[in-house]
PDB file of N, CA and C in Angstrom:
ATOM      1  N   UNK A   1      20.737  35.810   9.120  1.00  0.00           N
ATOM      2  CA  UNK A   1      20.368  34.455   8.767  1.00  0.00           C
ATOM      3  C   UNK A   1      21.041  33.489   9.738  1.00  0.00           C
ATOM      4  N   UNK A   2      20.256  32.605  10.316  1.00  0.00           N
ATOM      5  CA  UNK A   2      20.791  31.653  11.280  1.00  0.00           C
ATOM      6  C   UNK A   2      21.392  30.449  10.564  1.00  0.00           C
ATOM      7  N   UNK A   3      22.374  29.868  11.212  1.00  0.00           N
ATOM      8  CA  UNK A   3      22.978  28.664  10.659  1.00  0.00           C
ATOM      9  C   UNK A   3      22.052  27.482  10.943  1.00  0.00           C
ATOM     10  N   UNK A   4      21.800  26.701   9.931  1.00  0.00           N
ATOM     11  CA  UNK A   4      20.890  25.560  10.051  1.00  0.00           C
ATOM     12  C   UNK A   4      21.683  24.327  10.472  1.00  0.00           C
ATOM     13  N   UNK A   5      21.165  23.628  11.475  1.00  0.00           N
ATOM     14  CA  UNK A   5      21.850  22.419  11.923  1.00  0.00           C
ATOM     15  C   UNK A   5      21.495  21.255  11.005  1.00  0.00           C
ATOM     16  N   UNK A   6      22.291  20.222  11.108  1.00  0.00           N
ATOM     17  CA  UNK A   6      22.048  19.033  10.285  1.00  0.00           C
ATOM     18  C   UNK A   6      20.699  18.401  10.631  1.00  0.00           C
ATOM     19  N   UNK A   7      20.353  18.386  11.904  1.00  0.00           N
ATOM     20  CA  UNK A   7      19.089  17.795  12.348  1.00  0.00           C
ATOM     21  C   UNK A   7      17.897  18.552  11.750  1.00  0.00           C
ATOM     22  N   UNK A   8      17.949  19.872  11.762  1.00  0.00           N
ATOM     23  CA  UNK A   8      16.861  20.672  11.178  1.00  0.00           C
ATOM     24  C   UNK A   8      16.756  20.439   9.675  1.00  0.00           C
ATOM     25  N   UNK A   9      17.904  20.352   9.011  1.00  0.00           N
ATOM     26  CA  UNK A   9      17.904  20.104   7.572  1.00  0.00           C
ATOM     27  C   UNK A   9      17.273  18.749   7.246  1.00  0.00           C
ATOM     28  N   UNK A  10      17.661  17.711   7.990  1.00  0.00           N
ATOM     29  CA  UNK A  10      17.110  16.382   7.741  1.00  0.00           C
ATOM     30  C   UNK A  10      15.622  16.325   8.054  1.00  0.00           C
ATOM     31  N   UNK A  11      15.177  17.059   9.066  1.00  0.00           N
ATOM     32  CA  UNK A  11      13.744  17.123   9.370  1.00  0.00           C
ATOM     33  C   UNK A  11      12.970  17.716   8.203  1.00  0.00           C
ATOM     34  N   UNK A  12      13.481  18.817   7.671  1.00  0.00           N
ATOM     35  CA  UNK A  12      12.797  19.484   6.555  1.00  0.00           C
ATOM     36  C   UNK A  12      12.805  18.623   5.296  1.00  0.00           C
ATOM     37  N   UNK A  13      13.923  17.975   5.015  1.00  0.00           N
ATOM     38  CA  UNK A  13      14.001  17.128   3.826  1.00  0.00           C
ATOM     39  C   UNK A  13      13.120  15.886   3.976  1.00  0.00           C
ATOM     40  N   UNK A  14      13.051  15.334   5.168  1.00  0.00           N
ATOM     41  CA  UNK A  14      12.172  14.188   5.411  1.00  0.00           C
ATOM     42  C   UNK A  14      10.713  14.559   5.233  1.00  0.00           C
ATOM     43  N   UNK A  15      10.338  15.718   5.750  1.00  0.00           N
ATOM     44  CA  UNK A  15       8.964  16.185   5.583  1.00  0.00           C
ATOM     45  C   UNK A  15       8.653  16.436   4.108  1.00  0.00           C
ATOM     46  N   UNK A  16       9.597  17.036   3.381  1.00  0.00           N
ATOM     47  CA  UNK A  16       9.384  17.306   1.957  1.00  0.00           C
ATOM     48  C   UNK A  16       9.255  16.003   1.169  1.00  0.00           C
ATOM     49  N   UNK A  17      10.074  15.006   1.486  1.00  0.00           N
ATOM     50  CA  UNK A  17      10.001  13.723   0.779  1.00  0.00           C
ATOM     51  C   UNK A  17       8.691  13.004   1.087  1.00  0.00           C
ATOM     52  N   UNK A  18       8.256  13.029   2.342  1.00  0.00           N
ATOM     53  CA  UNK A  18       6.991  12.384   2.710  1.00  0.00           C
ATOM     54  C   UNK A  18       5.811  13.085   2.050  1.00  0.00           C
ATOM     55  N   UNK A  19       5.864  14.405   1.991  1.00  0.00           N
ATOM     56  CA  UNK A  19       4.786  15.161   1.345  1.00  0.00           C
ATOM     57  C   UNK A  19       4.725  14.868  -0.148  1.00  0.00           C
ATOM     58  N   UNK A  20       5.884  14.826  -0.795  1.00  0.00           N
ATOM     59  CA  UNK A  20       5.914  14.540  -2.230  1.00  0.00           C
ATOM     60  C   UNK A  20       5.403  13.127  -2.510  1.00  0.00           C
ATOM     61  N   UNK A  21       5.770  12.171  -1.674  1.00  0.00           N
ATOM     62  CA  UNK A  21       5.288  10.800  -1.852  1.00  0.00           C
ATOM     63  C   UNK A  21       3.790  10.693  -1.676  1.00  0.00           C
ATOM     64  N   UNK A  22       3.259  11.377  -0.676  1.00  0.00           N
ATOM     65  CA  UNK A  22       1.819  11.353  -0.431  1.00  0.00           C
ATOM     66  C   UNK A  22       1.065  12.021  -1.570  1.00  0.00           C
ATOM     67  N   UNK A  23       1.550  13.152  -2.021  1.00  0.00           N
ATOM     68  CA  UNK A  23       0.872  13.868  -3.102  1.00  0.00           C
ATOM     69  C   UNK A  23       0.922  13.103  -4.420  1.00  0.00           C
ATOM     70  N   UNK A  24       1.957  12.302  -4.630  1.00  0.00           N
ATOM     71  CA  UNK A  24       2.035  11.537  -5.873  1.00  0.00           C
ATOM     72  C   UNK A  24       1.019  10.397  -5.899  1.00  0.00           C
ATOM     73  N   UNK A  25       0.541   9.956  -4.734  1.00  0.00           N
ATOM     74  CA  UNK A  25      -0.436   8.867  -4.673  1.00  0.00           C
ATOM     75  C   UNK A  25      -1.875   9.344  -4.805  1.00  0.00           C
ATOM     76  N   UNK A  26      -2.145  10.601  -4.547  1.00  0.00           N
ATOM     77  CA  UNK A  26      -3.520  11.098  -4.534  1.00  0.00           C
ATOM     78  C   UNK A  26      -4.258  10.977  -5.867  1.00  0.00           C
ATOM     79  N   UNK A  27      -3.662  11.265  -7.019  1.00  0.00           N
ATOM     80  CA  UNK A  27      -4.425  11.112  -8.270  1.00  0.00           C
ATOM     81  C   UNK A  27      -4.883   9.679  -8.518  1.00  0.00           C
ATOM     82  N   UNK A  28      -4.095   8.704  -8.161  1.00  0.00           N
ATOM     83  CA  UNK A  28      -4.491   7.309  -8.330  1.00  0.00           C
ATOM     84  C   UNK A  28      -5.638   6.918  -7.424  1.00  0.00           C
ATOM     85  N   UNK A  29      -5.674   7.467  -6.235  1.00  0.00           N
ATOM     86  CA  UNK A  29      -6.758   7.161  -5.292  1.00  0.00           C
ATOM     87  C   UNK A  29      -8.079   7.753  -5.762  1.00  0.00           C
ATOM     88  N   UNK A  30      -8.041   8.898  -6.388  1.00  0.00           N
ATOM     89  CA  UNK A  30      -9.271   9.547  -6.841  1.00  0.00           C
ATOM     90  C   UNK A  30      -9.927   8.762  -7.972  1.00  0.00           C
ATOM     91  N   UNK A  31      -9.142   8.160  -8.841  1.00  0.00           N
ATOM     92  CA  UNK A  31      -9.715   7.440  -9.978  1.00  0.00           C
ATOM     93  C   UNK A  31     -10.219   6.053  -9.592  1.00  0.00           C
ATOM     94  N   UNK A  32      -9.798   5.515  -8.474  1.00  0.00           N
ATOM     95  CA  UNK A  32     -10.228   4.176  -8.075  1.00  0.00           C
ATOM     96  C   UNK A  32     -11.718   4.125  -7.772  1.00  0.00           C
ATOM     97  N   UNK A  33     -12.264   5.145  -7.177  1.00  0.00           N
ATOM     98  CA  UNK A  33     -13.681   5.160  -6.849  1.00  0.00           C
ATOM     99  C   UNK A  33     -14.550   5.175  -8.094  1.00  0.00           C
ATOM    100  N   UNK A  34     -14.134   5.874  -9.119  1.00  0.00           N
ATOM    101  CA  UNK A  34     -14.900   5.942 -10.357  1.00  0.00           C
ATOM    102  C   UNK A  34     -14.867   4.613 -11.095  1.00  0.00           C
ATOM    103  N   UNK A  35     -13.760   3.918 -11.063  1.00  0.00           N
ATOM    104  CA  UNK A  35     -13.655   2.633 -11.756  1.00  0.00           C
ATOM    105  C   UNK A  35     -14.562   1.598 -11.102  1.00  0.00           C
ATOM    106  N   UNK A  36     -14.660   1.620  -9.794  1.00  0.00           N
ATOM    107  CA  UNK A  36     -15.513   0.654  -9.103  1.00  0.00           C
ATOM    108  C   UNK A  36     -16.986   0.905  -9.382  1.00  0.00           C
ATOM    109  N   UNK A  37     -17.382   2.136  -9.514  1.00  0.00           N
ATOM    110  CA  UNK A  37     -18.784   2.447  -9.788  1.00  0.00           C
ATOM    111  C   UNK A  37     -19.184   2.053 -11.205  1.00  0.00           C
ATOM    112  N   UNK A  38     -18.255   2.169 -12.142  1.00  0.00           N
ATOM    113  CA  UNK A  38     -18.578   1.887 -13.541  1.00  0.00           C
ATOM    114  C   UNK A  38     -18.817   0.397 -13.762  1.00  0.00           C
ATOM    115  N   UNK A  39     -18.016  -0.468 -13.157  1.00  0.00           N
ATOM    116  CA  UNK A  39     -18.113  -1.902 -13.392  1.00  0.00           C
ATOM    117  C   UNK A  39     -19.267  -2.550 -12.657  1.00  0.00           C
ATOM    118  N   UNK A  40     -19.423  -2.262 -11.399  1.00  0.00           N
ATOM    119  CA  UNK A  40     -20.460  -2.839 -10.537  1.00  0.00           C
ATOM    120  C   UNK A  40     -20.444  -4.365 -10.540  1.00  0.00           C
ATOM    121  N   UNK A  41     -19.261  -4.956 -10.693  1.00  0.00           N
ATOM    122  CA  UNK A  41     -19.144  -6.412 -10.648  1.00  0.00           C
ATOM    123  C   UNK A  41     -18.753  -6.828  -9.240  1.00  0.00           C
ATOM    124  N   UNK A  42     -19.179  -8.003  -8.855  1.00  0.00           N
ATOM    125  CA  UNK A  42     -18.816  -8.514  -7.544  1.00  0.00           C
ATOM    126  C   UNK A  42     -17.357  -8.965  -7.572  1.00  0.00           C
ATOM    127  N   UNK A  43     -16.608  -8.700  -6.528  1.00  0.00           N
ATOM    128  CA  UNK A  43     -15.198  -9.096  -6.514  1.00  0.00           C
ATOM    129  C   UNK A  43     -15.039 -10.602  -6.311  1.00  0.00           C
ATOM    130  N   UNK A  44     -13.961 -11.136  -6.826  1.00  0.00           N
ATOM    131  CA  UNK A  44     -13.628 -12.548  -6.633  1.00  0.00           C
ATOM    132  C   UNK A  44     -12.794 -12.662  -5.363  1.00  0.00           C
ATOM    133  N   UNK A  45     -13.381 -13.267  -4.337  1.00  0.00           N
ATOM    134  CA  UNK A  45     -12.697 -13.413  -3.057  1.00  0.00           C
ATOM    135  C   UNK A  45     -12.692 -14.888  -2.678  1.00  0.00           C
ATOM    136  N   UNK A  46     -11.516 -15.402  -2.330  1.00  0.00           N
ATOM    137  CA  UNK A  46     -11.377 -16.784  -1.884  1.00  0.00           C
ATOM    138  C   UNK A  46     -10.836 -16.754  -0.461  1.00  0.00           C
ATOM    139  N   UNK A  47     -11.541 -17.402   0.452  1.00  0.00           N
ATOM    140  CA  UNK A  47     -11.105 -17.490   1.843  1.00  0.00           C
ATOM    141  C   UNK A  47     -10.788 -18.949   2.137  1.00  0.00           C
ATOM    142  N   UNK A  48      -9.563 -19.206   2.561  1.00  0.00           N
ATOM    143  CA  UNK A  48      -9.133 -20.564   2.877  1.00  0.00           C
ATOM    144  C   UNK A  48      -8.836 -20.622   4.371  1.00  0.00           C
ATOM    145  N   UNK A  49      -9.539 -21.518   5.064  1.00  0.00           N
ATOM    146  CA  UNK A  49      -9.340 -21.695   6.496  1.00  0.00           C
ATOM    147  C   UNK A  49      -8.817 -23.106   6.719  1.00  0.00           C
ATOM    148  N   UNK A  50      -7.747 -23.210   7.472  1.00  0.00           N
ATOM    149  CA  UNK A  50      -7.126 -24.510   7.701  1.00  0.00           C
ATOM    150  C   UNK A  50      -6.706 -24.632   9.158  1.00  0.00           C
ATOM    151  N   UNK A  51      -6.693 -25.870   9.635  1.00  0.00           N
ATOM    152  CA  UNK A  51      -6.262 -26.135  10.999  1.00  0.00           C
ATOM    153  C   UNK A  51      -5.205 -27.239  10.972  1.00  0.00           C
ATOM    154  N   UNK A  52      -4.193 -27.106  11.782  1.00  0.00           N
ATOM    155  CA  UNK A  52      -3.141 -28.109  11.922  1.00  0.00           C
ATOM    156  C   UNK A  52      -2.416 -28.368  10.602  1.00  0.00           C
ATOM    157  N   UNK A  53      -2.061 -27.299   9.908  1.00  0.00           N
ATOM    158  CA  UNK A  53      -1.359 -27.420   8.632  1.00  0.00           C
ATOM    159  C   UNK A  53       0.111 -27.088   8.846  1.00  0.00           C
ATOM    160  N   UNK A  54       0.969 -27.912   8.313  1.00  0.00           N
ATOM    161  CA  UNK A  54       2.401 -27.687   8.429  1.00  0.00           C
ATOM    162  C   UNK A  54       2.929 -26.856   7.275  1.00  0.00           C
ATOM    163  N   UNK A  55       4.184 -26.459   7.394  1.00  0.00           N
ATOM    164  CA  UNK A  55       4.811 -25.626   6.377  1.00  0.00           C
ATOM    165  C   UNK A  55       4.897 -26.351   5.032  1.00  0.00           C
ATOM    166  N   UNK A  56       5.196 -27.645   5.030  1.00  0.00           N
ATOM    167  CA  UNK A  56       5.390 -28.405   3.799  1.00  0.00           C
ATOM    168  C   UNK A  56       4.097 -29.008   3.260  1.00  0.00           C
ATOM    169  N   UNK A  57       2.962 -28.743   3.879  1.00  0.00           N
ATOM    170  CA  UNK A  57       1.698 -29.332   3.437  1.00  0.00           C
ATOM    171  C   UNK A  57       1.059 -28.604   2.261  1.00  0.00           C
ATOM    172  N   UNK A  58       1.547 -27.439   1.915  1.00  0.00           N
ATOM    173  CA  UNK A  58       0.948 -26.658   0.829  1.00  0.00           C
ATOM    174  C   UNK A  58       1.751 -26.887  -0.449  1.00  0.00           C
ATOM    175  N   UNK A  59       1.062 -27.180  -1.545  1.00  0.00           N
ATOM    176  CA  UNK A  59       1.721 -27.368  -2.824  1.00  0.00           C
ATOM    177  C   UNK A  59       0.703 -27.648  -3.905  1.00  0.00           C
ATOM    178  N   UNK A  60       1.123 -27.574  -5.151  1.00  0.00           N
ATOM    179  CA  UNK A  60       0.172 -27.744  -6.253  1.00  0.00           C
ATOM    180  C   UNK A  60      -0.201 -29.197  -6.504  1.00  0.00           C
ATOM    181  N   UNK A  61       0.629 -30.160  -6.120  1.00  0.00           N
ATOM    182  CA  UNK A  61       0.349 -31.556  -6.401  1.00  0.00           C
ATOM    183  C   UNK A  61      -0.012 -32.366  -5.172  1.00  0.00           C
ATOM    184  N   UNK A  62      -0.509 -31.757  -4.139  1.00  0.00           N
ATOM    185  CA  UNK A  62      -0.759 -32.461  -2.880  1.00  0.00           C
ATOM    186  C   UNK A  62      -2.240 -32.552  -2.540  1.00  0.00           C
ATOM    187  N   UNK A  63      -3.091 -32.627  -3.526  1.00  0.00           N
ATOM    188  CA  UNK A  63      -4.528 -32.682  -3.239  1.00  0.00           C
ATOM    189  C   UNK A  63      -5.023 -34.099  -3.226  1.00  0.00           C
TER     190      UNK A  63
END
């Protein structure tokens, strides 16, 4: 049995952590497609385009 270096150990643990994280997200991704097909509603999208706006120009009482 060969002695494992710290670099090899960290590589393997990093790969295992990334794989576990990716696999934990897959069930949620599979159900998203079914939910969108069932509703068939149009999404609410708001696009705001502005020119020459300063940092302090945005606020709830500045209309």
